[in-house]
Each structure stands twice: as structure tokens, then as C-alpha cells.
Amino acid sequence: MLISDVSPMYCIHCQFFRSSNASELLDHCKSCKQMVRPDPFIYKFLCLGCTYFTYKSTNMKNHLLTHLGEKPFKCSYCEYTCTAVSNLKSHEQIRHLSR
């Protein structure tokens, strides 16, 4: 599934912004003026769909995949898909390589 194939996300903070484009979503997570940021350093990226926050853009990008339903990482051995390469490595190690 591609990000363009999913329904757009709405920002729960400003209740105005909506998009299904990953770059636009990530930019909004960093720049929405309605998001309360107790510490701008720690709260650099706030999720527009829930209360998740992080300093790293890659963490936010991976988190947004959970809202969008996209699972870009696919197991080489079965039909398993996931949102993070670390989950894929764990899956393959436990299910396929430890036997």
C-alpha cells in the first residue's frame, strides 16, 4: 500500500490541516502552531493524530505509518509486513532463522 492510497490524516491540534502525503505530514508535525510543546527541544515533532512526540524525524515518520496503515517492510520468507525494519529483523530471526 502506498501512502497516496490511504485516507488523509487530520490534525487533532489545529483541526484544519489534512494530508496523506508523508512529507507534508512530517512538516506539519514539526510546525503546527496549535501543538503544545512544553519543551521545544524534546517535543520537536508532535503527532497530529495522537499524543506521541519525539525529537527525531525518522521516529515520527515511522510512527505516522501506524496511523496511515502503511507497512513497507516485507518478510522474505512469508507474508508478514511491518512498519519498522527492526520489527522485520526480529520477526525473521524468531520465526525463520532460529530453527
N, C-alpha and C. Protein backbone atom coordinates (compact mmCIF):
# COMPACT_ATOMS: atom_id res chain seq x y z
N MET A 1 0.85 -1.18 0.00
CA MET A 1 0.00 0.00 0.00
C MET A 1 0.89 1.24 0.00
N LEU A 2 0.61 2.17 -0.82
CA LEU A 2 1.35 3.43 -0.87
C LEU A 2 0.64 4.47 -0.04
N ILE A 3 1.40 5.43 0.47
CA ILE A 3 0.79 6.48 1.27
C ILE A 3 -0.30 7.20 0.49
N SER A 4 -0.14 7.35 -0.80
CA SER A 4 -1.15 8.03 -1.61
C SER A 4 -2.46 7.24 -1.68
N ASP A 5 -2.43 5.96 -1.31
CA ASP A 5 -3.62 5.12 -1.35
C ASP A 5 -4.45 5.18 -0.08
N VAL A 6 -4.00 5.89 0.93
CA VAL A 6 -4.71 5.92 2.20
C VAL A 6 -5.50 7.21 2.36
N SER A 7 -6.45 7.18 3.29
CA SER A 7 -7.23 8.38 3.58
C SER A 7 -6.35 9.42 4.24
N PRO A 8 -6.63 10.70 4.01
CA PRO A 8 -5.81 11.75 4.63
C PRO A 8 -5.98 11.77 6.15
N MET A 9 -4.93 12.19 6.84
CA MET A 9 -4.98 12.38 8.28
C MET A 9 -5.34 13.83 8.58
N TYR A 10 -6.11 14.03 9.64
CA TYR A 10 -6.45 15.37 10.11
C TYR A 10 -5.63 15.66 11.35
N CYS A 11 -5.26 16.92 11.54
CA CYS A 11 -4.53 17.32 12.74
C CYS A 11 -5.53 17.53 13.88
N ILE A 12 -5.33 16.81 14.99
CA ILE A 12 -6.22 16.95 16.15
C ILE A 12 -5.91 18.22 16.93
N HIS A 13 -4.79 18.86 16.65
CA HIS A 13 -4.38 20.05 17.38
C HIS A 13 -4.97 21.32 16.79
N CYS A 14 -4.82 21.50 15.48
CA CYS A 14 -5.35 22.71 14.83
C CYS A 14 -6.70 22.45 14.17
N GLN A 15 -7.06 21.20 13.98
CA GLN A 15 -8.32 20.78 13.35
C GLN A 15 -8.53 21.42 11.98
N PHE A 16 -7.43 21.73 11.32
CA PHE A 16 -7.51 22.35 10.00
C PHE A 16 -6.73 21.54 8.96
N PHE A 17 -5.49 21.24 9.28
CA PHE A 17 -4.60 20.58 8.32
C PHE A 17 -5.05 19.15 8.05
N ARG A 18 -4.94 18.73 6.79
CA ARG A 18 -5.18 17.33 6.43
C ARG A 18 -4.34 16.99 5.21
N SER A 19 -3.80 15.78 5.20
CA SER A 19 -2.99 15.33 4.08
C SER A 19 -2.75 13.83 4.19
N SER A 20 -2.41 13.21 3.08
CA SER A 20 -1.96 11.82 3.10
C SER A 20 -0.54 11.73 2.55
N ASN A 21 0.10 12.89 2.36
CA ASN A 21 1.47 12.97 1.87
C ASN A 21 2.44 12.92 3.05
N ALA A 22 3.37 11.97 3.04
CA ALA A 22 4.27 11.76 4.17
C ALA A 22 5.11 12.99 4.49
N SER A 23 5.64 13.66 3.48
CA SER A 23 6.48 14.85 3.72
C SER A 23 5.67 15.98 4.32
N GLU A 24 4.46 16.19 3.82
CA GLU A 24 3.59 17.24 4.37
C GLU A 24 3.20 16.93 5.81
N LEU A 25 2.90 15.67 6.09
CA LEU A 25 2.54 15.27 7.45
C LEU A 25 3.71 15.51 8.40
N LEU A 26 4.90 15.12 7.99
CA LEU A 26 6.08 15.29 8.82
C LEU A 26 6.36 16.77 9.08
N ASP A 27 6.25 17.59 8.04
CA ASP A 27 6.45 19.04 8.20
C ASP A 27 5.43 19.62 9.18
N HIS A 28 4.18 19.18 9.08
CA HIS A 28 3.15 19.71 9.97
C HIS A 28 3.41 19.28 11.41
N CYS A 29 3.90 18.07 11.62
CA CYS A 29 4.22 17.59 12.97
C CYS A 29 5.27 18.46 13.65
N LYS A 30 6.08 19.12 12.85
CA LYS A 30 7.14 19.98 13.37
C LYS A 30 6.70 21.44 13.47
N SER A 31 5.75 21.85 12.64
CA SER A 31 5.47 23.29 12.53
C SER A 31 4.10 23.76 12.99
N CYS A 32 3.18 22.88 13.33
CA CYS A 32 1.83 23.30 13.73
C CYS A 32 1.90 24.20 14.96
N LYS A 33 1.37 25.39 14.83
CA LYS A 33 1.41 26.38 15.92
C LYS A 33 0.45 26.04 17.05
N GLN A 34 -0.52 25.17 16.81
CA GLN A 34 -1.50 24.82 17.84
C GLN A 34 -1.03 23.67 18.74
N MET A 35 0.04 23.01 18.37
CA MET A 35 0.56 21.91 19.19
C MET A 35 1.28 22.48 20.41
N VAL A 36 0.89 22.03 21.59
CA VAL A 36 1.51 22.49 22.83
C VAL A 36 2.83 21.75 23.00
N ARG A 37 3.91 22.51 23.09
CA ARG A 37 5.25 21.94 23.22
C ARG A 37 5.88 22.44 24.53
N PRO A 38 5.74 21.67 25.63
CA PRO A 38 6.31 22.09 26.92
C PRO A 38 7.81 22.36 26.84
N ASP A 39 8.51 21.57 26.06
CA ASP A 39 9.94 21.76 25.84
C ASP A 39 10.19 21.59 24.34
N PRO A 40 10.43 22.69 23.62
CA PRO A 40 10.60 22.61 22.16
C PRO A 40 11.73 21.69 21.71
N PHE A 41 12.72 21.48 22.56
CA PHE A 41 13.83 20.59 22.20
C PHE A 41 13.36 19.14 22.18
N ILE A 42 12.70 18.72 23.25
CA ILE A 42 12.23 17.34 23.36
C ILE A 42 11.01 17.10 22.46
N TYR A 43 10.12 18.08 22.42
CA TYR A 43 8.88 17.96 21.65
C TYR A 43 9.05 18.56 20.25
N LYS A 44 10.12 18.22 19.57
CA LYS A 44 10.38 18.79 18.25
C LYS A 44 9.31 18.35 17.25
N PHE A 45 8.91 17.07 17.30
CA PHE A 45 7.85 16.55 16.44
C PHE A 45 6.72 16.01 17.31
N LEU A 46 5.51 16.53 17.13
CA LEU A 46 4.32 16.01 17.80
C LEU A 46 3.42 15.39 16.76
N CYS A 47 2.88 14.23 17.08
CA CYS A 47 1.98 13.56 16.14
C CYS A 47 0.70 14.37 15.98
N LEU A 48 0.23 14.47 14.75
CA LEU A 48 -1.00 15.20 14.51
C LEU A 48 -2.23 14.35 14.76
N GLY A 49 -2.04 13.05 15.05
CA GLY A 49 -3.18 12.17 15.26
C GLY A 49 -3.31 11.62 16.68
N CYS A 50 -2.29 11.81 17.52
CA CYS A 50 -2.35 11.32 18.90
C CYS A 50 -1.36 12.12 19.76
N THR A 51 -1.01 11.62 20.93
CA THR A 51 -0.14 12.36 21.85
C THR A 51 1.34 11.99 21.74
N TYR A 52 1.71 11.17 20.79
CA TYR A 52 3.11 10.76 20.61
C TYR A 52 3.98 11.97 20.24
N PHE A 53 5.20 12.00 20.79
CA PHE A 53 6.16 13.05 20.43
C PHE A 53 7.56 12.45 20.40
N THR A 54 8.46 13.11 19.66
CA THR A 54 9.84 12.66 19.57
C THR A 54 10.72 13.80 19.08
N TYR A 55 12.01 13.65 19.27
CA TYR A 55 12.96 14.63 18.76
C TYR A 55 13.39 14.29 17.34
N LYS A 56 13.35 13.01 16.99
CA LYS A 56 13.88 12.56 15.70
C LYS A 56 12.80 12.45 14.63
N SER A 57 13.10 12.98 13.46
CA SER A 57 12.14 12.92 12.35
C SER A 57 11.89 11.48 11.89
N THR A 58 12.93 10.64 11.94
CA THR A 58 12.75 9.25 11.50
C THR A 58 11.79 8.50 12.41
N ASN A 59 11.84 8.79 13.71
CA ASN A 59 10.89 8.16 14.64
C ASN A 59 9.47 8.59 14.32
N MET A 60 9.28 9.89 14.02
CA MET A 60 7.94 10.38 13.69
C MET A 60 7.46 9.79 12.38
N LYS A 61 8.35 9.70 11.42
CA LYS A 61 7.97 9.13 10.12
C LYS A 61 7.49 7.69 10.30
N ASN A 62 8.22 6.90 11.08
CA ASN A 62 7.81 5.52 11.35
C ASN A 62 6.50 5.48 12.13
N HIS A 63 6.33 6.40 13.08
CA HIS A 63 5.10 6.44 13.86
C HIS A 63 3.90 6.76 12.98
N LEU A 64 4.06 7.70 12.06
CA LEU A 64 2.95 8.08 11.17
C LEU A 64 2.48 6.89 10.33
N LEU A 65 3.38 5.97 10.03
CA LEU A 65 3.00 4.78 9.26
C LEU A 65 1.93 3.98 9.99
N THR A 66 1.96 3.98 11.33
CA THR A 66 0.95 3.23 12.08
C THR A 66 -0.43 3.84 11.87
N HIS A 67 -0.51 5.16 11.79
CA HIS A 67 -1.79 5.83 11.54
C HIS A 67 -2.25 5.63 10.10
N LEU A 68 -1.32 5.64 9.18
CA LEU A 68 -1.65 5.55 7.76
C LEU A 68 -1.91 4.11 7.31
N GLY A 69 -1.48 3.15 8.12
CA GLY A 69 -1.69 1.75 7.77
C GLY A 69 -0.67 1.20 6.79
N GLU A 70 0.35 1.97 6.48
CA GLU A 70 1.36 1.51 5.54
C GLU A 70 2.37 0.62 6.26
N LYS A 71 2.72 -0.49 5.63
CA LYS A 71 3.72 -1.41 6.17
C LYS A 71 4.71 -1.72 5.06
N PRO A 72 5.74 -0.89 4.92
CA PRO A 72 6.65 -1.01 3.78
C PRO A 72 7.69 -2.13 3.88
N PHE A 73 7.84 -2.74 5.03
CA PHE A 73 8.86 -3.77 5.19
C PHE A 73 8.22 -5.16 5.13
N LYS A 74 8.67 -6.00 4.19
CA LYS A 74 8.08 -7.32 3.96
C LYS A 74 9.10 -8.42 4.21
N CYS A 75 8.65 -9.46 4.87
CA CYS A 75 9.47 -10.63 5.15
C CYS A 75 9.81 -11.37 3.86
N SER A 76 11.04 -11.83 3.76
CA SER A 76 11.50 -12.58 2.59
C SER A 76 10.98 -14.02 2.59
N TYR A 77 10.50 -14.49 3.75
CA TYR A 77 10.12 -15.88 3.90
C TYR A 77 8.61 -16.12 3.95
N CYS A 78 7.84 -15.09 4.30
CA CYS A 78 6.39 -15.26 4.42
C CYS A 78 5.69 -13.95 4.07
N GLU A 79 4.42 -13.85 4.37
CA GLU A 79 3.62 -12.67 4.01
C GLU A 79 3.65 -11.56 5.07
N TYR A 80 4.41 -11.72 6.14
CA TYR A 80 4.47 -10.73 7.21
C TYR A 80 4.97 -9.39 6.69
N THR A 81 4.31 -8.31 7.10
CA THR A 81 4.74 -6.95 6.79
C THR A 81 4.69 -6.13 8.07
N CYS A 82 5.49 -5.05 8.12
CA CYS A 82 5.52 -4.22 9.32
C CYS A 82 5.97 -2.80 8.99
N THR A 83 5.93 -1.94 10.00
CA THR A 83 6.25 -0.53 9.80
C THR A 83 7.71 -0.20 10.09
N ALA A 84 8.44 -1.10 10.73
CA ALA A 84 9.83 -0.80 11.11
C ALA A 84 10.76 -1.96 10.74
N VAL A 85 11.92 -1.62 10.23
CA VAL A 85 12.89 -2.65 9.83
C VAL A 85 13.36 -3.46 11.04
N SER A 86 13.39 -2.85 12.22
CA SER A 86 13.80 -3.59 13.42
C SER A 86 12.78 -4.69 13.75
N ASN A 87 11.50 -4.42 13.54
CA ASN A 87 10.47 -5.44 13.75
C ASN A 87 10.62 -6.58 12.74
N LEU A 88 10.96 -6.23 11.52
CA LEU A 88 11.15 -7.25 10.48
C LEU A 88 12.34 -8.15 10.83
N LYS A 89 13.43 -7.56 11.27
CA LYS A 89 14.61 -8.35 11.64
C LYS A 89 14.29 -9.30 12.79
N SER A 90 13.55 -8.79 13.79
CA SER A 90 13.16 -9.65 14.92
C SER A 90 12.26 -10.78 14.44
N HIS A 91 11.29 -10.47 13.61
CA HIS A 91 10.38 -11.48 13.08
C HIS A 91 11.15 -12.57 12.34
N GLU A 92 12.02 -12.17 11.43
CA GLU A 92 12.77 -13.15 10.65
C GLU A 92 13.67 -14.01 11.54
N GLN A 93 14.29 -13.39 12.53
CA GLN A 93 15.16 -14.14 13.43
C GLN A 93 14.37 -15.16 14.24
N ILE A 94 13.24 -14.74 14.79
CA ILE A 94 12.44 -15.62 15.65
C ILE A 94 11.71 -16.69 14.85
N ARG A 95 11.08 -16.30 13.76
CA ARG A 95 10.21 -17.21 13.01
C ARG A 95 10.93 -18.07 11.97
N HIS A 96 12.02 -17.56 11.42
CA HIS A 96 12.60 -18.26 10.28
C HIS A 96 14.07 -18.67 10.45
N LEU A 97 14.86 -17.92 11.17
CA LEU A 97 16.30 -18.18 11.21
C LEU A 97 16.77 -18.92 12.46
N SER A 98 15.92 -19.05 13.46
CA SER A 98 16.34 -19.69 14.71
C SER A 98 16.08 -21.19 14.71
N ARG A 99 15.60 -21.71 13.62
CA ARG A 99 15.26 -23.14 13.57
C ARG A 99 16.42 -23.98 13.15
